[in-house]
Amino acid sequence: MTALLPGQPAADGEVVFGTPWEARAFAMTIRLHEQDVFMWPQFAATLAEEINLAQLAGDPDTGDTYYHHWLAALERLVAEQGMASIDEQERTREAWRRAADRTPHGRPIELQPSDFADPR
């Protein structure tokens, strides 16, 4: 597979990922697009906006933050489409962190209702 968007990390004509989460974010984006949650031009425009915002905030745009912008664009579109608000996404992210913190290495991470409780 070749890069789908300008600036997307690629080598020898293939998309490359620095870490597993980058590949998962990529795969989720492709799947949501295939399910018509958003159109590809909409994602590309949102990604360009996220990259521009990051550059305005001082991101040196060396390529190593590309998938951070990709994820920000995906999260924004998921919220805009009403699938999960930014707050819901953050609560879920924190729940996963809590569950991961208590899980011994090598064991499956299992979410529990208490993981979603507000720790404040």
C-alpha atoms as a PDB file:
ATOM      1  CA  MET A   1       0.000   0.000   0.000  1.00  0.00           C
ATOM      2  CA  THR A   2       1.322   3.413  -0.857  1.00  0.00           C
ATOM      3  CA  ALA A   3       0.885   6.473   1.310  1.00  0.00           C
ATOM      4  CA  LEU A   4      -2.668   7.766   1.178  1.00  0.00           C
ATOM      5  CA  LEU A   5      -1.916  11.387   2.042  1.00  0.00           C
ATOM      6  CA  PRO A   6       0.947  13.809   1.437  1.00  0.00           C
ATOM      7  CA  GLY A   7       3.466  13.697   4.271  1.00  0.00           C
ATOM      8  CA  GLN A   8       2.379  10.262   5.468  1.00  0.00           C
ATOM      9  CA  PRO A   9       5.473   8.267   6.498  1.00  0.00           C
ATOM     10  CA  ALA A  10       6.363   5.738   3.816  1.00  0.00           C
ATOM     11  CA  ALA A  11       9.379   3.736   2.699  1.00  0.00           C
ATOM     12  CA  ASP A  12       9.800   1.920  -0.597  1.00  0.00           C
ATOM     13  CA  GLY A  13       6.225   2.855  -1.487  1.00  0.00           C
ATOM     14  CA  GLU A  14       4.769   1.303   1.670  1.00  0.00           C
ATOM     15  CA  VAL A  15       3.159   3.053   4.637  1.00  0.00           C
ATOM     16  CA  VAL A  16       5.370   2.708   7.718  1.00  0.00           C
ATOM     17  CA  PHE A  17       4.508   2.932  11.393  1.00  0.00           C
ATOM     18  CA  GLY A  18       6.891   3.714  14.227  1.00  0.00           C
ATOM     19  CA  THR A  19       4.780   2.045  16.909  1.00  0.00           C
ATOM     20  CA  PRO A  20       1.796  -0.323  17.064  1.00  0.00           C
ATOM     21  CA  TRP A  21      -0.629   2.433  18.126  1.00  0.00           C
ATOM     22  CA  GLU A  22       0.077   4.273  14.862  1.00  0.00           C
ATOM     23  CA  ALA A  23      -0.964   1.226  12.842  1.00  0.00           C
ATOM     24  CA  ARG A  24      -4.103   0.827  14.969  1.00  0.00           C
ATOM     25  CA  ALA A  25      -5.062   4.494  14.475  1.00  0.00           C
ATOM     26  CA  PHE A  26      -4.498   4.083  10.745  1.00  0.00           C
ATOM     27  CA  ALA A  27      -6.613   0.916  10.623  1.00  0.00           C
ATOM     28  CA  MET A  28      -9.446   2.482  12.627  1.00  0.00           C
ATOM     29  CA  THR A  29      -9.480   5.460  10.287  1.00  0.00           C
ATOM     30  CA  ILE A  30      -9.651   3.259   7.201  1.00  0.00           C
ATOM     31  CA  ARG A  31     -12.441   1.141   8.727  1.00  0.00           C
ATOM     32  CA  LEU A  32     -14.547   4.154   9.735  1.00  0.00           C
ATOM     33  CA  HIS A  33     -14.111   5.581   6.255  1.00  0.00           C
ATOM     34  CA  GLU A  34     -15.192   2.243   4.738  1.00  0.00           C
ATOM     35  CA  GLN A  35     -18.292   2.379   6.948  1.00  0.00           C
ATOM     36  CA  ASP A  36     -19.070   5.865   5.563  1.00  0.00           C
ATOM     37  CA  VAL A  37     -18.634   7.566   8.930  1.00  0.00           C
ATOM     38  CA  PHE A  38     -16.711  10.240   7.038  1.00  0.00           C
ATOM     39  CA  MET A  39     -15.513  10.784   3.501  1.00  0.00           C
ATOM     40  CA  TRP A  40     -11.797  10.645   2.722  1.00  0.00           C
ATOM     41  CA  PRO A  41     -11.559  14.309   1.643  1.00  0.00           C
ATOM     42  CA  GLN A  42     -13.127  15.256   4.988  1.00  0.00           C
ATOM     43  CA  PHE A  43     -10.475  13.268   6.863  1.00  0.00           C
ATOM     44  CA  ALA A  44      -7.672  14.713   4.720  1.00  0.00           C
ATOM     45  CA  ALA A  45      -8.882  18.268   5.359  1.00  0.00           C
ATOM     46  CA  THR A  46      -9.192  17.633   9.113  1.00  0.00           C
ATOM     47  CA  LEU A  47      -5.710  16.126   9.207  1.00  0.00           C
ATOM     48  CA  ALA A  48      -4.311  19.132   7.338  1.00  0.00           C
ATOM     49  CA  GLU A  49      -5.978  21.438   9.872  1.00  0.00           C
ATOM     50  CA  GLU A  50      -4.514  19.472  12.810  1.00  0.00           C
ATOM     51  CA  ILE A  51      -1.040  19.574  11.259  1.00  0.00           C
ATOM     52  CA  ASN A  52      -1.372  23.310  10.634  1.00  0.00           C
ATOM     53  CA  LEU A  53      -2.506  23.920  14.236  1.00  0.00           C
ATOM     54  CA  ALA A  54       0.457  21.917  15.517  1.00  0.00           C
ATOM     55  CA  GLN A  55       2.880  23.854  13.321  1.00  0.00           C
ATOM     56  CA  LEU A  56       1.433  27.140  14.560  1.00  0.00           C
ATOM     57  CA  ALA A  57       1.973  25.857  18.113  1.00  0.00           C
ATOM     58  CA  GLY A  58       5.636  25.114  17.335  1.00  0.00           C
ATOM     59  CA  ASP A  59       5.681  21.537  16.032  1.00  0.00           C
ATOM     60  CA  PRO A  60       8.904  21.354  13.982  1.00  0.00           C
ATOM     61  CA  ASP A  61       7.178  19.035  11.471  1.00  0.00           C
ATOM     62  CA  THR A  62      10.025  16.524  11.295  1.00  0.00           C
ATOM     63  CA  GLY A  63       7.625  13.656  10.565  1.00  0.00           C
ATOM     64  CA  ASP A  64       7.846  11.950  13.934  1.00  0.00           C
ATOM     65  CA  THR A  65       4.569  13.518  15.113  1.00  0.00           C
ATOM     66  CA  TYR A  66       2.538  12.742  11.979  1.00  0.00           C
ATOM     67  CA  TYR A  67       0.408  10.059  13.603  1.00  0.00           C
ATOM     68  CA  HIS A  68      -0.246  12.257  16.635  1.00  0.00           C
ATOM     69  CA  HIS A  69      -1.933  14.632  14.192  1.00  0.00           C
ATOM     70  CA  TRP A  70      -3.611  11.689  12.464  1.00  0.00           C
ATOM     71  CA  LEU A  71      -5.077  10.561  15.805  1.00  0.00           C
ATOM     72  CA  ALA A  72      -6.191  14.107  16.668  1.00  0.00           C
ATOM     73  CA  ALA A  73      -8.000  14.319  13.324  1.00  0.00           C
ATOM     74  CA  LEU A  74      -9.638  10.931  13.870  1.00  0.00           C
ATOM     75  CA  GLU A  75     -10.754  11.835  17.400  1.00  0.00           C
ATOM     76  CA  ARG A  76     -12.146  15.142  16.179  1.00  0.00           C
ATOM     77  CA  LEU A  77     -14.156  13.506  13.389  1.00  0.00           C
ATOM     78  CA  VAL A  78     -15.478  10.814  15.737  1.00  0.00           C
ATOM     79  CA  ALA A  79     -16.717  13.601  18.026  1.00  0.00           C
ATOM     80  CA  GLU A  80     -18.141  15.663  15.159  1.00  0.00           C
ATOM     81  CA  GLN A  81     -20.026  12.622  13.856  1.00  0.00           C
ATOM     82  CA  GLY A  82     -21.555  12.085  17.309  1.00  0.00           C
ATOM     83  CA  MET A  83     -19.940   8.706  17.852  1.00  0.00           C
ATOM     84  CA  ALA A  84     -18.110   9.727  21.038  1.00  0.00           C
ATOM     85  CA  SER A  85     -17.535  13.197  22.405  1.00  0.00           C
ATOM     86  CA  ILE A  86     -14.039  14.399  23.200  1.00  0.00           C
ATOM     87  CA  ASP A  87     -14.937  14.036  26.905  1.00  0.00           C
ATOM     88  CA  GLU A  88     -16.134  10.453  26.367  1.00  0.00           C
ATOM     89  CA  GLN A  89     -12.945   9.670  24.491  1.00  0.00           C
ATOM     90  CA  GLU A  90     -10.848  11.083  27.340  1.00  0.00           C
ATOM     91  CA  ARG A  91     -12.811   9.118  29.977  1.00  0.00           C
ATOM     92  CA  THR A  92     -12.269   5.914  27.999  1.00  0.00           C
ATOM     93  CA  ARG A  93      -8.566   6.679  27.551  1.00  0.00           C
ATOM     94  CA  GLU A  94      -8.223   7.221  31.314  1.00  0.00           C
ATOM     95  CA  ALA A  95     -10.159   4.016  32.043  1.00  0.00           C
ATOM     96  CA  TRP A  96      -7.735   2.055  29.872  1.00  0.00           C
ATOM     97  CA  ARG A  97      -4.791   3.678  31.680  1.00  0.00           C
ATOM     98  CA  ARG A  98      -6.202   2.688  35.071  1.00  0.00           C
ATOM     99  CA  ALA A  99      -6.842  -0.866  33.900  1.00  0.00           C
ATOM    100  CA  ALA A 100      -3.368  -1.120  32.371  1.00  0.00           C
ATOM    101  CA  ASP A 101      -1.734   0.210  35.549  1.00  0.00           C
ATOM    102  CA  ARG A 102      -3.222  -2.569  37.678  1.00  0.00           C
ATOM    103  CA  THR A 103      -2.661  -5.353  35.149  1.00  0.00           C
ATOM    104  CA  PRO A 104       0.458  -7.496  35.569  1.00  0.00           C
ATOM    105  CA  HIS A 105       2.746  -7.607  32.542  1.00  0.00           C
ATOM    106  CA  GLY A 106       1.739 -10.286  30.075  1.00  0.00           C
ATOM    107  CA  ARG A 107      -1.874 -10.483  31.259  1.00  0.00           C
ATOM    108  CA  PRO A 108      -4.852  -9.236  29.248  1.00  0.00           C
ATOM    109  CA  ILE A 109      -6.103  -5.801  30.218  1.00  0.00           C
ATOM    110  CA  GLU A 110      -9.711  -5.966  31.380  1.00  0.00           C
ATOM    111  CA  LEU A 111     -11.842  -2.887  31.880  1.00  0.00           C
ATOM    112  CA  GLN A 112     -14.104  -2.733  34.926  1.00  0.00           C
ATOM    113  CA  PRO A 113     -16.895  -0.254  35.673  1.00  0.00           C
ATOM    114  CA  SER A 114     -14.724   1.280  38.411  1.00  0.00           C
ATOM    115  CA  ASP A 115     -12.152   2.226  35.756  1.00  0.00           C
ATOM    116  CA  PHE A 116     -14.645   4.787  34.442  1.00  0.00           C
ATOM    117  CA  ALA A 117     -15.189   6.421  37.854  1.00  0.00           C
ATOM    118  CA  ASP A 118     -14.014   9.996  38.158  1.00  0.00           C
ATOM    119  CA  PRO A 119     -10.896   9.897  40.402  1.00  0.00           C
ATOM    120  CA  ARG A 120     -11.393  13.485  41.605  1.00  0.00           C
END
